[in-house]
């Protein structure tokens, strides 16, 4: 690390998290790295979240608390960004936790790497039943890792504030795939990432109460597919062989067929290469691949559905 000690802004969007806030904020104040500013943004909570935030500020006057009326975690994060002075951003959902060394480790990795937009960090996912799944970033190729969802996440990463502001922050009109969209826009301009394999972030599953509701299954599918096509288009322009990425995307289109047959059929016809054929190397059965070759996507799916 250089002679200066960079300020890190910890931005925490809050929606109905009165039962989580204490553990979350305590995990921040227990950080080994101490040059922090903590910014908590209430996003239309209906429980005692705002009251609890005020209690925390009474005990810790340096905490910045504010409200954002536009619904969604992205709007709340952007409000926090507008109030922040840090060189780096640590976004932290209010039901998640940081282990003591998280910020210090990642500041050390990112410091003096001016063209690196973020640290790609590992994390532990804690299920409602208490189960733990460890997820590490995949370092094969950053756009490949982004495509398959293995380039860290909102809270496990540490973000270069200047680069993030340069691209306009979070997309507030996206209701899913927000972090993939953010990373993609950053990497198009600054295709460098430093990796952190230490499991210093805990992502906790909640059965209800997230800021961004995930009830719009169809919209989530469409955003997922369209964003991956944007990544494919970019890689193709960079002279990357993109055939396998259509193969990787195909199972998602098949899954979406259960919700909207017409859309999925049209998607294959208009978005996929005309000569696309599914491969057994990507989990498709030999029978299904043969049916697709003879009858096309619609015919293969009809027979598959009939057999079920």
Protein backbone atom coordinates (compact mmCIF):
# COMPACT_ATOMS: atom_id res chain seq x y z
CA UNK A 1 0.00 0.00 0.00
CA UNK A 2 1.18 3.48 -0.74
CA UNK A 3 1.87 6.24 1.83
CA UNK A 4 -1.72 7.44 1.81
CA UNK A 5 -4.52 5.52 3.48
CA UNK A 6 -7.49 5.64 1.09
CA UNK A 7 -10.92 6.41 2.46
CA UNK A 8 -13.44 3.61 1.86
CA UNK A 9 -17.13 4.49 1.72
CA UNK A 10 -19.34 1.67 3.01
CA UNK A 11 -22.74 2.14 1.38
CA UNK A 12 -25.59 0.17 2.94
CA UNK A 13 -29.11 0.22 1.42
CA UNK A 14 -31.72 -0.65 4.05
CA UNK A 15 -35.24 -1.99 3.61
CA UNK A 16 -37.06 -3.58 6.56
CA UNK A 17 -33.85 -4.82 8.17
CA UNK A 18 -34.37 -3.92 11.82
CA UNK A 19 -33.48 -7.51 12.74
CA UNK A 20 -30.25 -7.51 10.71
CA UNK A 21 -28.79 -4.02 11.12
CA UNK A 22 -26.94 -4.58 14.37
CA UNK A 23 -24.95 -7.55 13.08
CA UNK A 24 -24.30 -5.84 9.74
CA UNK A 25 -23.00 -2.57 11.22
CA UNK A 26 -21.01 -4.35 13.90
CA UNK A 27 -19.24 -6.31 11.14
CA UNK A 28 -18.26 -2.96 9.58
CA UNK A 29 -17.04 -1.36 12.80
CA UNK A 30 -14.98 -4.46 13.61
CA UNK A 31 -12.96 -4.10 10.40
CA UNK A 32 -9.18 -4.09 10.79
CA UNK A 33 -9.18 -1.31 8.19
CA UNK A 34 -10.43 1.80 9.97
CA UNK A 35 -10.39 4.66 7.45
CA UNK A 36 -14.07 4.24 6.68
CA UNK A 37 -17.16 6.34 6.24
CA UNK A 38 -20.44 4.52 6.77
CA UNK A 39 -23.50 5.60 4.77
CA UNK A 40 -26.89 3.98 5.41
CA UNK A 41 -29.81 4.71 3.09
CA UNK A 42 -33.32 3.77 4.15
CA UNK A 43 -35.44 2.74 1.16
CA UNK A 44 -39.09 3.05 2.20
CA UNK A 45 -38.89 0.71 5.20
CA UNK A 46 -42.15 0.02 7.02
CA UNK A 47 -40.62 -1.51 10.15
CA UNK A 48 -38.32 0.16 12.71
CA UNK A 49 -35.28 0.34 10.41
CA UNK A 50 -35.20 4.16 10.37
CA UNK A 51 -35.53 4.31 14.18
CA UNK A 52 -32.69 1.85 14.59
CA UNK A 53 -30.50 3.82 12.16
CA UNK A 54 -31.06 6.93 14.29
CA UNK A 55 -30.09 4.99 17.42
CA UNK A 56 -26.86 3.96 15.72
CA UNK A 57 -26.16 7.55 14.69
CA UNK A 58 -26.76 8.73 18.27
CA UNK A 59 -23.95 6.41 19.38
CA UNK A 60 -21.78 6.96 16.28
CA UNK A 61 -22.29 10.56 15.05
CA UNK A 62 -20.05 10.06 12.01
CA UNK A 63 -22.50 7.61 10.45
CA UNK A 64 -24.36 9.23 7.55
CA UNK A 65 -28.04 8.28 7.34
CA UNK A 66 -30.50 9.40 4.70
CA UNK A 67 -33.57 8.27 2.81
CA UNK A 68 -34.23 7.40 -0.84
CA UNK A 69 -37.88 7.29 -1.92
CA UNK A 70 -37.31 5.72 -5.33
CA UNK A 71 -37.74 2.00 -4.78
CA UNK A 72 -34.88 -0.39 -5.34
CA UNK A 73 -31.43 -1.18 -3.99
CA UNK A 74 -29.76 0.49 -6.98
CA UNK A 75 -31.47 3.81 -6.29
CA UNK A 76 -30.46 3.56 -2.63
CA UNK A 77 -26.86 2.76 -3.56
CA UNK A 78 -26.72 5.68 -5.99
CA UNK A 79 -28.02 7.97 -3.24
CA UNK A 80 -25.19 6.71 -1.04
CA UNK A 81 -22.70 7.32 -3.83
CA UNK A 82 -23.87 10.93 -4.10
CA UNK A 83 -23.03 11.43 -0.40
CA UNK A 84 -19.73 9.54 -0.43
CA UNK A 85 -16.17 10.89 -0.41
CA UNK A 86 -14.26 7.61 -0.54
CA UNK A 87 -11.76 6.47 -3.15
CA UNK A 88 -13.29 3.00 -2.96
CA UNK A 89 -16.83 1.77 -2.41
CA UNK A 90 -17.77 -1.18 -0.26
CA UNK A 91 -21.42 -1.90 -0.98
CA UNK A 92 -23.04 -3.99 1.73
CA UNK A 93 -26.62 -5.20 1.84
CA UNK A 94 -27.94 -4.73 5.35
CA UNK A 95 -28.57 -8.44 5.88
CA UNK A 96 -25.02 -9.44 4.89
CA UNK A 97 -21.76 -9.45 6.82
CA UNK A 98 -18.07 -8.65 6.38
CA UNK A 99 -15.34 -10.56 8.19
CA UNK A 100 -12.67 -8.50 9.92
CA UNK A 101 -9.99 -8.49 7.19
CA UNK A 102 -12.24 -8.00 4.17
CA UNK A 103 -11.69 -4.33 3.41
CA UNK A 104 -8.00 -4.25 4.40
CA UNK A 105 -7.16 -7.19 2.13
CA UNK A 106 -8.96 -5.72 -0.85
CA UNK A 107 -7.71 -2.15 -0.44
CA UNK A 108 -4.18 -3.57 -0.46
CA UNK A 109 -4.98 -5.44 -3.69
CA UNK A 110 -6.59 -2.47 -5.44
CA UNK A 111 -4.31 0.30 -4.21
CA UNK A 112 -1.93 1.63 -6.91
CA UNK A 113 -3.86 -0.23 -9.62
CA UNK A 114 -5.49 2.86 -11.07
CA UNK A 115 -6.95 1.14 -14.15
CA UNK A 116 -8.59 -1.68 -12.20
CA UNK A 117 -12.30 -0.99 -11.67
CA UNK A 118 -12.86 -3.51 -8.87
CA UNK A 119 -11.60 -6.43 -6.84
CA UNK A 120 -13.42 -9.67 -7.65
CA UNK A 121 -13.99 -11.31 -4.29
CA UNK A 122 -14.98 -14.71 -2.94
CA UNK A 123 -17.95 -15.13 -0.63
CA UNK A 124 -19.89 -17.56 1.51
CA UNK A 125 -23.62 -17.99 0.90
CA UNK A 126 -25.54 -18.83 4.06
CA UNK A 127 -28.90 -20.48 3.43
CA UNK A 128 -31.99 -20.08 5.57
CA UNK A 129 -31.28 -23.56 6.93
CA UNK A 130 -27.77 -22.49 7.99
CA UNK A 131 -25.98 -24.31 5.17
CA UNK A 132 -22.86 -22.66 3.77
CA UNK A 133 -21.75 -22.64 0.14
CA UNK A 134 -18.39 -21.11 -0.76
CA UNK A 135 -18.12 -19.35 -4.12
CA UNK A 136 -14.78 -18.23 -5.55
CA UNK A 137 -14.30 -16.03 -8.62
CA UNK A 138 -13.22 -17.92 -11.71
CA UNK A 139 -10.01 -16.53 -13.18
CA UNK A 140 -10.00 -18.15 -16.64
CA UNK A 141 -11.14 -15.02 -18.50
CA UNK A 142 -12.94 -12.05 -17.00
CA UNK A 143 -15.75 -11.92 -19.57
CA UNK A 144 -16.23 -15.67 -19.38
CA UNK A 145 -16.37 -15.41 -15.59
CA UNK A 146 -18.86 -12.55 -15.83
CA UNK A 147 -21.02 -14.53 -18.26
CA UNK A 148 -21.31 -17.53 -15.93
CA UNK A 149 -21.76 -15.42 -12.77
CA UNK A 150 -18.34 -16.12 -11.25
CA UNK A 151 -16.82 -12.66 -10.96
CA UNK A 152 -17.83 -11.86 -7.41
CA UNK A 153 -20.91 -9.96 -6.32
CA UNK A 154 -22.12 -6.61 -5.04
CA UNK A 155 -20.83 -7.09 -1.50
CA UNK A 156 -17.83 -9.39 -2.00
CA UNK A 157 -16.19 -6.95 -4.43
CA UNK A 158 -14.47 -3.64 -3.68
CA UNK A 159 -15.11 -0.92 -6.24
CA UNK A 160 -13.03 1.94 -7.62
CA UNK A 161 -15.17 5.00 -6.88
CA UNK A 162 -13.91 7.18 -9.74
CA UNK A 163 -14.44 4.46 -12.35
CA UNK A 164 -17.90 3.64 -11.04
CA UNK A 165 -18.98 7.27 -11.08
CA UNK A 166 -17.58 7.64 -14.59
CA UNK A 167 -20.04 5.06 -15.97
CA UNK A 168 -22.99 6.60 -14.11
CA UNK A 169 -23.26 4.23 -11.17
CA UNK A 170 -25.95 1.59 -10.83
CA UNK A 171 -28.73 1.18 -13.41
CA UNK A 172 -31.81 2.09 -11.38
CA UNK A 173 -34.32 0.77 -13.91
CA UNK A 174 -33.02 -2.80 -13.79
CA UNK A 175 -34.86 -5.06 -11.35
CA UNK A 176 -32.44 -7.99 -11.69
CA UNK A 177 -28.94 -8.67 -13.06
CA UNK A 178 -27.84 -5.29 -11.68
CA UNK A 179 -24.36 -6.30 -10.56
CA UNK A 180 -23.63 -8.15 -13.81
CA UNK A 181 -24.70 -5.05 -15.74
CA UNK A 182 -22.49 -2.83 -13.57
CA UNK A 183 -19.45 -5.06 -13.95
CA UNK A 184 -19.97 -5.37 -17.70
CA UNK A 185 -20.13 -1.60 -18.21
CA UNK A 186 -16.98 -1.17 -16.13
CA UNK A 187 -15.04 -3.93 -17.89
CA UNK A 188 -15.87 -2.64 -21.37
CA UNK A 189 -13.89 0.50 -20.47
CA UNK A 190 -11.38 -1.00 -18.03
CA UNK A 191 -10.84 -4.73 -18.75
CA UNK A 192 -8.70 -5.46 -15.70
CA UNK A 193 -9.64 -7.21 -12.47
CA UNK A 194 -7.66 -8.24 -9.42
CA UNK A 195 -8.89 -11.40 -7.67
CA UNK A 196 -9.35 -12.12 -3.99
CA UNK A 197 -9.90 -15.78 -3.00
CA UNK A 198 -10.31 -15.16 0.74
CA UNK A 199 -13.85 -15.83 2.00
CA UNK A 200 -14.41 -12.58 3.87
CA UNK A 201 -18.01 -11.84 2.85
CA UNK A 202 -21.12 -13.67 4.06
CA UNK A 203 -24.25 -13.37 1.91
CA UNK A 204 -27.29 -14.35 3.95
CA UNK A 205 -30.43 -15.70 2.29
CA UNK A 206 -33.75 -14.16 3.32
CA UNK A 207 -37.13 -15.65 2.56
CA UNK A 208 -38.72 -12.21 2.25
CA UNK A 209 -38.07 -8.48 2.52
CA UNK A 210 -35.35 -7.83 -0.06
CA UNK A 211 -35.31 -4.32 -1.51
CA UNK A 212 -35.52 -5.58 -5.08
CA UNK A 213 -38.44 -7.98 -5.34
CA UNK A 214 -37.77 -11.05 -7.47
CA UNK A 215 -41.41 -11.93 -8.17
CA UNK A 216 -41.23 -10.90 -11.84
CA UNK A 217 -39.85 -14.22 -13.10
CA UNK A 218 -40.43 -13.42 -16.77
CA UNK A 219 -38.73 -10.04 -16.54
CA UNK A 220 -35.77 -11.60 -14.73
CA UNK A 221 -35.36 -14.18 -17.50
CA UNK A 222 -35.46 -11.55 -20.23
CA UNK A 223 -32.94 -9.31 -18.47
CA UNK A 224 -30.64 -12.28 -17.91
CA UNK A 225 -30.80 -13.33 -21.56
CA UNK A 226 -30.45 -9.85 -23.03
CA UNK A 227 -27.47 -8.97 -20.86
CA UNK A 228 -25.68 -12.17 -21.86
CA UNK A 229 -26.30 -11.34 -25.51
CA UNK A 230 -24.68 -7.95 -24.93
CA UNK A 231 -21.65 -9.74 -23.50
CA UNK A 232 -21.57 -12.13 -26.48
CA UNK A 233 -21.77 -9.22 -28.93
CA UNK A 234 -18.88 -7.49 -27.18
CA UNK A 235 -16.71 -10.62 -27.15
CA UNK A 236 -17.43 -11.25 -30.82
CA UNK A 237 -16.21 -7.76 -31.66
CA UNK A 238 -13.05 -8.62 -29.72
CA UNK A 239 -12.55 -11.62 -32.05
CA UNK A 240 -13.51 -14.18 -29.41
CA UNK A 241 -15.09 -17.43 -30.65
CA UNK A 242 -18.53 -17.11 -29.09
CA UNK A 243 -20.06 -20.46 -30.09
CA UNK A 244 -19.79 -21.93 -26.60
CA UNK A 245 -21.52 -18.91 -25.09
CA UNK A 246 -24.64 -19.56 -27.15
CA UNK A 247 -24.39 -23.14 -25.90
CA UNK A 248 -24.15 -21.88 -22.32
CA UNK A 249 -27.12 -19.56 -22.84
CA UNK A 250 -29.32 -22.17 -24.51
CA UNK A 251 -30.40 -23.99 -21.28
CA UNK A 252 -31.74 -20.69 -19.95
CA UNK A 253 -33.88 -20.24 -23.07
CA UNK A 254 -35.14 -23.79 -22.67
CA UNK A 255 -36.00 -23.05 -19.06
CA UNK A 256 -37.85 -19.90 -20.10
CA UNK A 257 -39.90 -21.97 -22.58
CA UNK A 258 -41.87 -23.24 -19.57
CA UNK A 259 -43.02 -19.67 -18.85
CA UNK A 260 -43.38 -18.18 -22.33
CA UNK A 261 -43.21 -20.54 -25.31
CA UNK A 262 -43.71 -17.90 -28.00
CA UNK A 263 -40.99 -15.64 -26.65
CA UNK A 264 -38.47 -18.48 -26.39
CA UNK A 265 -39.18 -19.67 -29.92
CA UNK A 266 -38.80 -16.15 -31.28
CA UNK A 267 -35.63 -15.64 -29.22
CA UNK A 268 -33.94 -18.68 -30.76
CA UNK A 269 -34.99 -17.60 -34.27
CA UNK A 270 -33.92 -13.96 -34.00
CA UNK A 271 -31.08 -13.88 -31.47
CA UNK A 272 -29.18 -17.13 -32.00
CA UNK A 273 -27.06 -17.95 -35.08
CA UNK A 274 -29.13 -19.47 -37.87
CA UNK A 275 -26.98 -22.61 -37.91
CA UNK A 276 -27.04 -23.07 -34.13
CA UNK A 277 -27.34 -26.68 -32.96
CA UNK A 278 -27.29 -27.69 -29.29
CA UNK A 279 -24.39 -29.89 -28.24
CA UNK A 280 -24.27 -32.90 -25.93
CA UNK A 281 -21.12 -31.35 -24.43
CA UNK A 282 -23.33 -28.79 -22.71
CA UNK A 283 -25.81 -31.15 -21.07
CA UNK A 284 -28.24 -31.85 -23.93
CA UNK A 285 -29.18 -35.47 -24.61
CA UNK A 286 -28.36 -37.10 -27.94
CA UNK A 287 -32.07 -37.60 -28.60
CA UNK A 288 -32.86 -33.94 -27.93
CA UNK A 289 -30.02 -32.77 -30.20
CA UNK A 290 -31.31 -35.01 -32.98
CA UNK A 291 -34.88 -33.74 -32.53
CA UNK A 292 -33.62 -30.15 -32.64
CA UNK A 293 -31.69 -30.84 -35.85
CA UNK A 294 -34.77 -32.36 -37.54
CA UNK A 295 -37.66 -30.37 -36.07
CA UNK A 296 -36.07 -27.18 -34.76
CA UNK A 297 -36.41 -25.72 -31.29
CA UNK A 298 -40.20 -25.58 -31.22
CA UNK A 299 -40.63 -29.16 -32.40
CA UNK A 300 -38.01 -30.54 -30.03
CA UNK A 301 -39.57 -28.77 -27.06
CA UNK A 302 -43.10 -29.94 -27.97
CA UNK A 303 -41.99 -33.57 -28.08
CA UNK A 304 -40.00 -33.18 -24.86
CA UNK A 305 -43.04 -31.65 -23.14
CA UNK A 306 -45.31 -34.40 -24.51
CA UNK A 307 -43.02 -37.13 -23.21
CA UNK A 308 -43.06 -35.54 -19.76
